[in-house]
Amino acid sequence: MPQLTISSNAGIVRRGLERLRAALPTISRKRLYDATVEIRDRMSVEGTPPRYPIHWDSDLQRRAFFRSKGFGGGIPTARTGKYAGAWKVERADNGYTVMNKTPGAKFIGGSASGANQSQIHQGRWRLFRDQADLVRRSLPKLVRDNLREFMKRVFAPTHTMGR
């Protein structure tokens, strides 16, 4: 005798939503971590070589460069890779922080607000604010995609119809 029983899936939905509620902090933290790692990786790219003549921010900057023998790096200044390699991600109270503690880093990549990048580095080194904005704009889509994937797993059919 053919027979079909249809019943409410309210229990499955409730359990799925409970699992989602428990997983949301983990999903959010993972997305934030991935975003700060992407910003770090974008900022770790070396800039292009300088263009000549150098467009100093001021005559004072030019004189200081030569008086300090390339701000201590020698003239001509040889790249050490310290700036590109100093980008770090650290855990913060409600997420993560991406930073570069290299002296003068704000003059190479600018600050989070986009200020302080020296004319010498503009167009050659990535601006911190621009890279953060690019990644930040992609966050809502990444979170949606993560949630969609989670929901597929949670609400995946647990049974199949027999013959």
Protein backbone atom coordinates (compact mmCIF):
# COMPACT_ATOMS: atom_id res chain seq x y z
CA MET A 1 0.00 0.00 0.00
CA PRO A 2 1.59 3.30 -1.09
CA GLN A 3 1.79 5.78 1.75
CA LEU A 4 3.28 9.26 2.25
CA THR A 5 3.45 11.18 5.49
CA ILE A 6 4.09 14.88 5.44
CA SER A 7 5.04 16.56 8.68
CA SER A 8 6.33 19.87 9.94
CA ASN A 9 10.07 20.45 9.89
CA ALA A 10 9.85 23.06 12.68
CA GLY A 11 12.18 21.03 14.89
CA ILE A 12 14.84 20.88 12.16
CA VAL A 13 14.50 24.62 11.51
CA ARG A 14 14.72 25.42 15.24
CA ARG A 15 17.85 23.26 15.67
CA GLY A 16 19.40 24.84 12.57
CA LEU A 17 18.74 28.35 13.85
CA GLU A 18 20.17 27.43 17.24
CA ARG A 19 23.32 26.13 15.54
CA LEU A 20 23.51 29.31 13.47
CA ARG A 21 23.18 31.48 16.57
CA ALA A 22 26.02 29.56 18.22
CA ALA A 23 28.17 29.76 15.07
CA LEU A 24 27.70 33.48 14.27
CA PRO A 25 30.52 34.77 16.51
CA THR A 26 32.90 32.22 14.98
CA ILE A 27 31.83 33.06 11.43
CA SER A 28 32.15 36.79 12.11
CA ARG A 29 35.56 36.51 13.76
CA LYS A 30 36.86 34.31 10.93
CA ARG A 31 35.70 36.84 8.31
CA LEU A 32 37.32 39.71 10.21
CA TYR A 33 40.54 37.75 10.57
CA ASP A 34 40.57 36.90 6.86
CA ALA A 35 39.94 40.56 6.00
CA THR A 36 42.84 41.84 8.12
CA VAL A 37 45.13 39.15 6.69
CA GLU A 38 44.16 40.27 3.18
CA ILE A 39 44.93 43.90 4.05
CA ARG A 40 48.27 42.82 5.53
CA ASP A 41 49.11 40.84 2.39
CA ARG A 42 48.13 43.74 0.11
CA MET A 43 50.28 46.16 2.12
CA SER A 44 53.26 43.77 2.10
CA VAL A 45 53.77 44.28 -1.64
CA GLU A 46 56.95 46.22 -2.39
CA GLY A 47 56.55 49.57 -4.11
CA THR A 48 58.06 50.41 -7.47
CA PRO A 49 61.48 52.10 -7.68
CA PRO A 50 61.56 55.88 -7.19
CA ARG A 51 61.07 58.23 -10.11
CA TYR A 52 63.60 60.94 -10.73
CA PRO A 53 63.76 63.76 -10.08
CA ILE A 54 62.50 63.08 -6.57
CA HIS A 55 59.46 65.20 -5.66
CA TRP A 56 60.29 66.08 -2.07
CA ASP A 57 57.50 67.14 0.28
CA SER A 58 59.61 70.13 1.26
CA ASP A 59 63.11 71.51 0.99
CA LEU A 60 63.46 70.69 4.71
CA GLN A 61 62.76 67.01 3.95
CA ARG A 62 65.33 66.99 1.14
CA ARG A 63 68.00 68.55 3.35
CA ALA A 64 67.20 66.16 6.22
CA PHE A 65 67.53 63.18 3.87
CA PHE A 66 71.01 64.17 2.78
CA ARG A 67 72.18 65.35 6.23
CA SER A 68 71.11 62.04 7.80
CA LYS A 69 72.68 60.04 4.97
CA GLY A 70 69.36 58.71 3.64
CA PHE A 71 67.59 58.79 7.03
CA GLY A 72 70.23 56.35 8.25
CA GLY A 73 69.87 53.95 5.31
CA GLY A 74 72.72 55.30 3.21
CA ILE A 75 72.73 57.12 -0.11
CA PRO A 76 71.62 55.74 -2.41
CA THR A 77 69.14 54.09 -0.07
CA ALA A 78 68.95 50.32 -0.51
CA ARG A 79 65.68 48.60 0.27
CA THR A 80 65.79 46.30 3.27
CA GLY A 81 62.29 44.81 3.02
CA LYS A 82 61.63 45.81 6.64
CA TYR A 83 58.56 47.90 5.84
CA ALA A 84 56.90 45.27 3.64
CA GLY A 85 57.74 42.50 6.10
CA ALA A 86 56.58 44.38 9.20
CA TRP A 87 52.83 44.25 8.49
CA LYS A 88 51.22 42.23 11.28
CA VAL A 89 47.75 41.12 12.35
CA GLU A 90 46.99 41.05 16.07
CA ARG A 91 43.87 40.00 17.91
CA ALA A 92 41.85 42.86 19.43
CA ASP A 93 38.86 42.90 21.79
CA ASN A 94 36.20 42.82 19.09
CA GLY A 95 38.22 41.68 16.10
CA TYR A 96 41.71 42.12 14.74
CA THR A 97 44.16 44.94 14.10
CA VAL A 98 46.48 45.21 11.12
CA MET A 99 49.51 47.42 11.69
CA ASN A 100 53.08 48.27 10.78
CA LYS A 101 55.31 49.48 13.62
CA THR A 102 58.27 50.30 11.37
CA PRO A 103 59.50 53.85 12.05
CA GLY A 104 58.24 56.06 9.23
CA ALA A 105 55.70 53.50 7.98
CA LYS A 106 52.97 56.15 7.84
CA PHE A 107 55.10 58.13 5.38
CA ILE A 108 55.37 55.12 3.04
CA GLY A 109 51.82 53.71 3.15
CA GLY A 110 49.93 56.49 4.86
CA SER A 111 47.65 56.16 7.86
CA ALA A 112 44.25 54.48 8.17
CA SER A 113 42.67 57.84 7.31
CA GLY A 114 44.81 58.15 4.16
CA ALA A 115 46.96 60.98 5.52
CA ASN A 116 50.73 61.30 5.89
CA GLN A 117 51.95 59.40 2.80
CA SER A 118 54.94 61.29 1.43
CA GLN A 119 54.81 62.55 -2.17
CA ILE A 120 57.92 60.50 -2.76
CA HIS A 121 55.91 57.30 -2.25
CA GLN A 122 52.56 58.32 -3.77
CA GLY A 123 51.63 56.11 -6.70
CA ARG A 124 54.54 53.76 -5.95
CA TRP A 125 53.53 52.27 -2.60
CA ARG A 126 50.00 51.17 -1.78
CA LEU A 127 47.99 53.55 0.36
CA PHE A 128 46.80 51.81 3.54
CA ARG A 129 43.36 53.44 3.48
CA ASP A 130 42.72 52.38 -0.14
CA GLN A 131 43.63 48.75 0.55
CA ALA A 132 41.51 48.67 3.71
CA ASP A 133 38.55 50.17 1.81
CA LEU A 134 38.83 47.57 -0.95
CA VAL A 135 38.75 44.73 1.54
CA ARG A 136 36.08 46.36 3.70
CA ARG A 137 33.75 46.69 0.69
CA SER A 138 34.00 42.94 0.07
CA LEU A 139 33.10 42.01 3.68
CA PRO A 140 29.28 41.98 3.38
CA LYS A 141 29.44 39.63 0.40
CA LEU A 142 31.94 37.36 2.15
CA VAL A 143 29.75 37.21 5.27
CA ARG A 144 26.67 36.46 3.16
CA ASP A 145 28.54 33.72 1.30
CA ASN A 146 29.76 32.23 4.58
CA LEU A 147 26.26 32.29 6.07
CA ARG A 148 24.77 30.77 2.93
CA GLU A 149 27.33 27.94 3.04
CA PHE A 150 26.67 27.35 6.73
CA MET A 151 22.90 27.23 6.15
CA LYS A 152 23.35 24.70 3.33
CA ARG A 153 25.26 22.44 5.72
CA VAL A 154 22.82 22.88 8.61
CA PHE A 155 19.67 22.42 6.55
CA ALA A 156 20.99 19.74 4.22
CA PRO A 157 18.48 16.95 3.78
CA THR A 158 19.12 14.22 6.30
CA HIS A 159 17.02 11.61 4.58
CA THR A 160 16.11 10.53 1.08
CA MET A 161 12.86 9.17 -0.18
CA GLY A 162 12.83 5.45 -0.78
CA ARG A 163 11.22 3.67 -3.67
